[in-house]
N, C-alpha and C. Protein backbone atom coordinates (compact mmCIF):
# COMPACT_ATOMS: atom_id res chain seq x y z
N MET A 1 -95.19 -59.33 -32.87
CA MET A 1 -94.50 -59.56 -34.11
C MET A 1 -93.02 -59.22 -33.91
N PRO A 2 -92.14 -60.11 -34.35
CA PRO A 2 -90.70 -59.85 -34.18
C PRO A 2 -90.26 -58.60 -34.95
N TYR A 3 -89.19 -58.02 -34.46
CA TYR A 3 -88.68 -56.77 -35.02
C TYR A 3 -88.28 -56.92 -36.49
N TRP A 4 -87.61 -57.99 -36.86
CA TRP A 4 -87.12 -58.16 -38.23
C TRP A 4 -88.27 -58.32 -39.22
N ILE A 5 -89.39 -58.94 -38.83
CA ILE A 5 -90.54 -59.06 -39.72
C ILE A 5 -91.17 -57.68 -39.93
N GLN A 6 -91.23 -56.91 -38.88
CA GLN A 6 -91.75 -55.55 -38.98
C GLN A 6 -90.86 -54.70 -39.91
N LEU A 7 -89.56 -54.87 -39.79
CA LEU A 7 -88.62 -54.15 -40.64
C LEU A 7 -88.82 -54.53 -42.11
N ILE A 8 -88.97 -55.80 -42.40
CA ILE A 8 -89.20 -56.26 -43.77
C ILE A 8 -90.52 -55.69 -44.30
N TRP A 9 -91.54 -55.70 -43.47
CA TRP A 9 -92.84 -55.14 -43.88
C TRP A 9 -92.72 -53.65 -44.24
N TYR A 10 -91.99 -52.89 -43.41
CA TYR A 10 -91.79 -51.46 -43.70
C TYR A 10 -91.01 -51.25 -44.99
N LEU A 11 -90.00 -52.08 -45.23
CA LEU A 11 -89.23 -51.97 -46.48
C LEU A 11 -90.09 -52.29 -47.70
N VAL A 12 -90.92 -53.32 -47.62
CA VAL A 12 -91.82 -53.68 -48.73
C VAL A 12 -92.80 -52.53 -48.98
N ALA A 13 -93.38 -52.01 -47.92
CA ALA A 13 -94.32 -50.89 -48.07
C ALA A 13 -93.63 -49.67 -48.67
N PHE A 14 -92.40 -49.38 -48.24
CA PHE A 14 -91.64 -48.25 -48.77
C PHE A 14 -91.42 -48.40 -50.27
N PHE A 15 -90.98 -49.59 -50.71
CA PHE A 15 -90.72 -49.80 -52.13
C PHE A 15 -92.00 -49.79 -52.96
N LEU A 16 -93.10 -50.25 -52.38
CA LEU A 16 -94.38 -50.17 -53.08
C LEU A 16 -94.81 -48.72 -53.29
N VAL A 17 -94.62 -47.89 -52.30
CA VAL A 17 -94.97 -46.47 -52.43
C VAL A 17 -94.06 -45.79 -53.45
N ILE A 18 -92.76 -46.07 -53.42
CA ILE A 18 -91.82 -45.50 -54.40
C ILE A 18 -92.19 -45.96 -55.81
N GLY A 19 -92.50 -47.23 -55.98
CA GLY A 19 -92.89 -47.75 -57.30
C GLY A 19 -94.18 -47.11 -57.80
N ALA A 20 -95.16 -46.97 -56.92
CA ALA A 20 -96.42 -46.33 -57.32
C ALA A 20 -96.18 -44.87 -57.70
N ALA A 21 -95.36 -44.17 -56.95
CA ALA A 21 -95.06 -42.77 -57.28
C ALA A 21 -94.36 -42.67 -58.63
N PHE A 22 -93.44 -43.59 -58.91
CA PHE A 22 -92.74 -43.59 -60.19
C PHE A 22 -93.71 -43.76 -61.35
N TYR A 23 -94.58 -44.77 -61.28
CA TYR A 23 -95.50 -45.03 -62.38
C TYR A 23 -96.57 -43.94 -62.53
N ILE A 24 -97.02 -43.38 -61.45
CA ILE A 24 -98.01 -42.29 -61.53
C ILE A 24 -97.37 -41.05 -62.16
N THR A 25 -96.14 -40.73 -61.75
CA THR A 25 -95.43 -39.59 -62.33
C THR A 25 -95.18 -39.81 -63.82
N ARG A 26 -94.81 -40.99 -64.18
CA ARG A 26 -94.57 -41.32 -65.60
C ARG A 26 -95.85 -41.19 -66.41
N PHE A 27 -96.96 -41.66 -65.87
CA PHE A 27 -98.25 -41.57 -66.56
C PHE A 27 -98.66 -40.11 -66.76
N ILE A 28 -98.51 -39.30 -65.71
CA ILE A 28 -98.87 -37.88 -65.80
C ILE A 28 -97.97 -37.17 -66.80
N GLY A 29 -96.68 -37.48 -66.79
CA GLY A 29 -95.75 -36.87 -67.73
C GLY A 29 -96.09 -37.21 -69.17
N GLN A 30 -96.43 -38.45 -69.46
CA GLN A 30 -96.77 -38.85 -70.82
C GLN A 30 -98.07 -38.22 -71.27
N SER A 31 -99.04 -38.10 -70.38
CA SER A 31 -100.31 -37.49 -70.79
C SER A 31 -100.15 -36.00 -71.01
N SER A 32 -99.28 -35.33 -70.25
CA SER A 32 -99.07 -33.89 -70.47
C SER A 32 -98.29 -33.65 -71.75
N ILE A 33 -97.41 -34.56 -72.13
CA ILE A 33 -96.68 -34.42 -73.40
C ILE A 33 -97.67 -34.53 -74.56
N LYS A 34 -98.62 -35.44 -74.47
CA LYS A 34 -99.61 -35.60 -75.54
C LYS A 34 -100.47 -34.34 -75.68
N LEU A 35 -100.79 -33.68 -74.58
CA LEU A 35 -101.59 -32.47 -74.62
C LEU A 35 -100.81 -31.31 -75.23
N GLY A 36 -99.50 -31.29 -75.08
CA GLY A 36 -98.68 -30.20 -75.55
C GLY A 36 -98.25 -30.31 -77.00
N ARG A 37 -98.60 -31.37 -77.69
CA ARG A 37 -98.20 -31.57 -79.07
C ARG A 37 -99.17 -30.92 -80.03
N SER A 38 -98.62 -30.47 -81.14
CA SER A 38 -99.44 -29.87 -82.19
C SER A 38 -98.84 -30.26 -83.53
N SER A 39 -99.69 -30.46 -84.52
CA SER A 39 -99.18 -30.82 -85.84
C SER A 39 -98.79 -29.59 -86.64
N ASN A 40 -99.23 -28.40 -86.24
CA ASN A 40 -98.94 -27.18 -86.99
C ASN A 40 -98.01 -26.21 -86.29
N LEU A 41 -97.81 -26.36 -84.99
CA LEU A 41 -96.97 -25.44 -84.24
C LEU A 41 -95.84 -26.22 -83.56
N GLU A 42 -94.64 -25.61 -83.55
CA GLU A 42 -93.51 -26.26 -82.91
C GLU A 42 -92.51 -25.20 -82.46
N VAL A 43 -92.02 -25.34 -81.23
CA VAL A 43 -90.96 -24.46 -80.75
C VAL A 43 -89.64 -25.05 -81.22
N ILE A 44 -88.92 -24.31 -82.04
CA ILE A 44 -87.65 -24.78 -82.59
C ILE A 44 -86.51 -24.52 -81.63
N ASP A 45 -86.46 -23.31 -81.07
CA ASP A 45 -85.38 -22.96 -80.17
C ASP A 45 -85.83 -21.79 -79.29
N PHE A 46 -85.15 -21.60 -78.18
CA PHE A 46 -85.44 -20.45 -77.32
C PHE A 46 -84.20 -20.08 -76.55
N ILE A 47 -84.20 -18.85 -76.08
CA ILE A 47 -83.14 -18.38 -75.21
C ILE A 47 -83.78 -17.49 -74.14
N SER A 48 -83.35 -17.69 -72.91
CA SER A 48 -83.86 -16.89 -71.81
C SER A 48 -83.10 -15.57 -71.76
N LEU A 49 -83.83 -14.49 -71.58
CA LEU A 49 -83.23 -13.16 -71.49
C LEU A 49 -83.35 -12.59 -70.08
N GLY A 50 -83.68 -13.42 -69.15
CA GLY A 50 -83.86 -12.99 -67.77
C GLY A 50 -85.08 -13.67 -67.20
N ARG A 51 -85.46 -13.22 -66.05
CA ARG A 51 -86.60 -13.84 -65.37
C ARG A 51 -87.89 -13.60 -66.16
N GLU A 52 -88.51 -14.66 -66.59
CA GLU A 52 -89.77 -14.65 -67.32
C GLU A 52 -89.72 -13.85 -68.62
N LYS A 53 -88.55 -13.83 -69.28
CA LYS A 53 -88.39 -13.15 -70.57
C LYS A 53 -87.58 -14.06 -71.47
N GLY A 54 -87.95 -14.10 -72.75
CA GLY A 54 -87.18 -14.92 -73.66
C GLY A 54 -87.53 -14.67 -75.11
N LEU A 55 -86.67 -15.20 -75.98
CA LEU A 55 -86.90 -15.18 -77.41
C LEU A 55 -87.14 -16.61 -77.88
N TYR A 56 -88.12 -16.78 -78.76
CA TYR A 56 -88.47 -18.10 -79.27
C TYR A 56 -88.47 -18.07 -80.79
N ILE A 57 -87.94 -19.12 -81.39
CA ILE A 57 -88.13 -19.36 -82.81
C ILE A 57 -89.19 -20.44 -82.89
N ILE A 58 -90.29 -20.13 -83.55
CA ILE A 58 -91.38 -21.11 -83.67
C ILE A 58 -91.64 -21.40 -85.13
N LYS A 59 -92.11 -22.60 -85.38
CA LYS A 59 -92.50 -23.01 -86.73
C LYS A 59 -94.02 -23.07 -86.76
N VAL A 60 -94.60 -22.31 -87.66
CA VAL A 60 -96.05 -22.29 -87.85
C VAL A 60 -96.29 -22.74 -89.28
N GLY A 61 -96.78 -23.97 -89.44
CA GLY A 61 -96.91 -24.52 -90.78
C GLY A 61 -95.53 -24.67 -91.39
N ASN A 62 -95.26 -23.94 -92.48
CA ASN A 62 -93.94 -23.97 -93.12
C ASN A 62 -93.16 -22.69 -92.89
N ARG A 63 -93.64 -21.81 -92.03
CA ARG A 63 -93.00 -20.52 -91.77
C ARG A 63 -92.31 -20.55 -90.40
N PHE A 64 -91.21 -19.80 -90.30
CA PHE A 64 -90.47 -19.68 -89.05
C PHE A 64 -90.56 -18.24 -88.57
N MET A 65 -90.87 -18.07 -87.30
CA MET A 65 -91.05 -16.73 -86.74
C MET A 65 -90.26 -16.57 -85.46
N LEU A 66 -89.80 -15.36 -85.23
CA LEU A 66 -89.13 -15.00 -83.99
C LEU A 66 -90.12 -14.20 -83.16
N ILE A 67 -90.35 -14.65 -81.92
CA ILE A 67 -91.26 -13.94 -81.03
C ILE A 67 -90.56 -13.65 -79.71
N GLY A 68 -90.94 -12.56 -79.08
CA GLY A 68 -90.47 -12.22 -77.75
C GLY A 68 -91.57 -12.52 -76.75
N VAL A 69 -91.21 -13.12 -75.64
CA VAL A 69 -92.20 -13.53 -74.64
C VAL A 69 -91.79 -12.99 -73.27
N THR A 70 -92.76 -12.34 -72.60
CA THR A 70 -92.59 -11.94 -71.21
C THR A 70 -93.74 -12.56 -70.42
N ASN A 71 -93.78 -12.30 -69.14
CA ASN A 71 -94.86 -12.89 -68.34
C ASN A 71 -96.22 -12.28 -68.67
N SER A 72 -96.25 -11.12 -69.34
CA SER A 72 -97.54 -10.50 -69.63
C SER A 72 -97.75 -10.18 -71.11
N ASN A 73 -96.81 -10.56 -71.98
CA ASN A 73 -96.92 -10.15 -73.37
C ASN A 73 -96.19 -11.12 -74.29
N ILE A 74 -96.71 -11.28 -75.50
CA ILE A 74 -96.05 -12.01 -76.57
C ILE A 74 -96.00 -11.08 -77.77
N THR A 75 -94.79 -10.88 -78.32
CA THR A 75 -94.61 -9.92 -79.41
C THR A 75 -94.00 -10.60 -80.62
N TYR A 76 -94.64 -10.44 -81.77
CA TYR A 76 -94.08 -10.92 -83.04
C TYR A 76 -92.94 -9.99 -83.42
N LEU A 77 -91.76 -10.56 -83.67
CA LEU A 77 -90.59 -9.73 -83.99
C LEU A 77 -90.21 -9.80 -85.47
N ALA A 78 -90.16 -11.00 -86.03
CA ALA A 78 -89.73 -11.12 -87.43
C ALA A 78 -90.03 -12.50 -87.96
N GLU A 79 -90.06 -12.60 -89.28
CA GLU A 79 -90.13 -13.90 -89.93
C GLU A 79 -88.71 -14.25 -90.37
N ILE A 80 -88.34 -15.51 -90.21
CA ILE A 80 -86.99 -15.96 -90.51
C ILE A 80 -87.06 -16.92 -91.70
N GLU A 81 -86.14 -16.75 -92.65
CA GLU A 81 -86.07 -17.64 -93.80
C GLU A 81 -85.61 -19.03 -93.35
N ARG A 82 -86.10 -20.04 -94.00
CA ARG A 82 -85.82 -21.43 -93.64
C ARG A 82 -84.32 -21.73 -93.63
N GLU A 83 -83.58 -21.16 -94.57
CA GLU A 83 -82.15 -21.46 -94.66
C GLU A 83 -81.35 -20.83 -93.52
N HIS A 84 -81.91 -19.90 -92.77
CA HIS A 84 -81.24 -19.28 -91.63
C HIS A 84 -81.55 -19.97 -90.31
N VAL A 85 -82.39 -20.98 -90.34
CA VAL A 85 -82.77 -21.69 -89.12
C VAL A 85 -82.02 -23.01 -89.06
N LYS A 86 -81.29 -23.20 -87.97
CA LYS A 86 -80.56 -24.44 -87.74
C LYS A 86 -81.41 -25.30 -86.81
N ILE A 87 -81.87 -26.43 -87.32
CA ILE A 87 -82.74 -27.31 -86.53
C ILE A 87 -81.95 -28.52 -86.08
N GLU A 88 -81.79 -28.64 -84.76
CA GLU A 88 -81.15 -29.81 -84.17
C GLU A 88 -82.20 -30.54 -83.36
N LYS A 89 -82.72 -31.59 -83.92
CA LYS A 89 -83.81 -32.30 -83.27
C LYS A 89 -83.34 -33.69 -82.83
N PRO A 90 -83.20 -33.91 -81.52
CA PRO A 90 -82.82 -35.24 -81.04
C PRO A 90 -83.87 -36.28 -81.39
N LYS A 91 -83.41 -37.48 -81.63
CA LYS A 91 -84.32 -38.55 -82.06
C LYS A 91 -84.91 -39.35 -80.90
N ASN A 92 -84.19 -39.45 -79.78
CA ASN A 92 -84.71 -40.25 -78.67
C ASN A 92 -84.30 -39.62 -77.34
N PHE A 93 -84.72 -40.21 -76.26
CA PHE A 93 -84.48 -39.65 -74.94
C PHE A 93 -83.00 -39.52 -74.64
N ALA A 94 -82.20 -40.54 -74.98
CA ALA A 94 -80.78 -40.51 -74.66
C ALA A 94 -80.08 -39.37 -75.41
N SER A 95 -80.37 -39.21 -76.69
CA SER A 95 -79.73 -38.13 -77.44
C SER A 95 -80.25 -36.77 -76.98
N GLU A 96 -81.53 -36.69 -76.61
CA GLU A 96 -82.07 -35.43 -76.10
C GLU A 96 -81.42 -35.07 -74.77
N LEU A 97 -81.20 -36.06 -73.92
CA LEU A 97 -80.53 -35.81 -72.64
C LEU A 97 -79.10 -35.34 -72.87
N ASN A 98 -78.38 -36.01 -73.79
CA ASN A 98 -77.01 -35.59 -74.09
C ASN A 98 -76.97 -34.18 -74.67
N PHE A 99 -77.91 -33.85 -75.54
CA PHE A 99 -78.01 -32.53 -76.13
C PHE A 99 -78.24 -31.47 -75.04
N SER A 100 -79.15 -31.75 -74.12
CA SER A 100 -79.45 -30.81 -73.03
C SER A 100 -78.25 -30.66 -72.10
N LEU A 101 -77.58 -31.76 -71.79
CA LEU A 101 -76.41 -31.69 -70.91
C LEU A 101 -75.29 -30.89 -71.56
N GLU A 102 -75.10 -31.04 -72.86
CA GLU A 102 -74.08 -30.29 -73.58
C GLU A 102 -74.38 -28.79 -73.55
N ARG A 103 -75.65 -28.44 -73.76
CA ARG A 103 -76.03 -27.02 -73.68
C ARG A 103 -75.80 -26.49 -72.26
N PHE A 104 -76.09 -27.31 -71.25
CA PHE A 104 -75.89 -26.90 -69.86
C PHE A 104 -74.41 -26.69 -69.58
N ARG A 105 -73.55 -27.60 -70.07
CA ARG A 105 -72.10 -27.46 -69.87
C ARG A 105 -71.58 -26.19 -70.54
N ASN A 106 -72.12 -25.88 -71.71
CA ASN A 106 -71.67 -24.68 -72.44
C ASN A 106 -71.98 -23.41 -71.70
N LEU A 107 -73.00 -23.43 -70.85
CA LEU A 107 -73.32 -22.25 -70.05
C LEU A 107 -72.18 -21.88 -69.11
N PHE A 108 -71.44 -22.87 -68.64
CA PHE A 108 -70.42 -22.63 -67.63
C PHE A 108 -69.01 -22.62 -68.20
N LYS A 109 -68.86 -22.83 -69.50
CA LYS A 109 -67.54 -22.77 -70.12
C LYS A 109 -67.08 -21.33 -70.20
N LYS A 110 -65.82 -21.14 -69.98
CA LYS A 110 -65.23 -19.82 -70.15
C LYS A 110 -64.89 -19.62 -71.61
N ASP A 111 -64.71 -18.38 -72.04
CA ASP A 111 -64.40 -18.09 -73.44
C ASP A 111 -63.11 -18.80 -73.89
N GLY A 112 -62.15 -18.94 -73.01
CA GLY A 112 -60.90 -19.61 -73.36
C GLY A 112 -61.03 -21.11 -73.48
N ASP A 113 -62.11 -21.71 -72.94
CA ASP A 113 -62.28 -23.16 -72.95
C ASP A 113 -62.87 -23.67 -74.26
N LYS A 114 -63.39 -22.81 -75.12
CA LYS A 114 -64.11 -23.26 -76.32
C LYS A 114 -63.23 -23.82 -77.37
């Protein structure tokens, strides 16, 4: 078999493997998102306080709660009134990506840059 035909075959096989990996990853991601959804519970916001430690604002029914989470413990801290909770919920992937990128950029801004 000539070298150029072998090269084309390898390129076709490479792109088929990349395409299959893309669709399999997408399928797994969508199925895991469906498993993680709940009609009564929702994480509104969180902040990391170090390795495997953080604070979460969660919505349970119509109530908002602040909880502390570590790798071995979850602690109820307080209930928060609805008017004190700022909910910024992106509507689609593009706005969610922009929202996440903006939060990431803010991590590296200096106090004088704000």
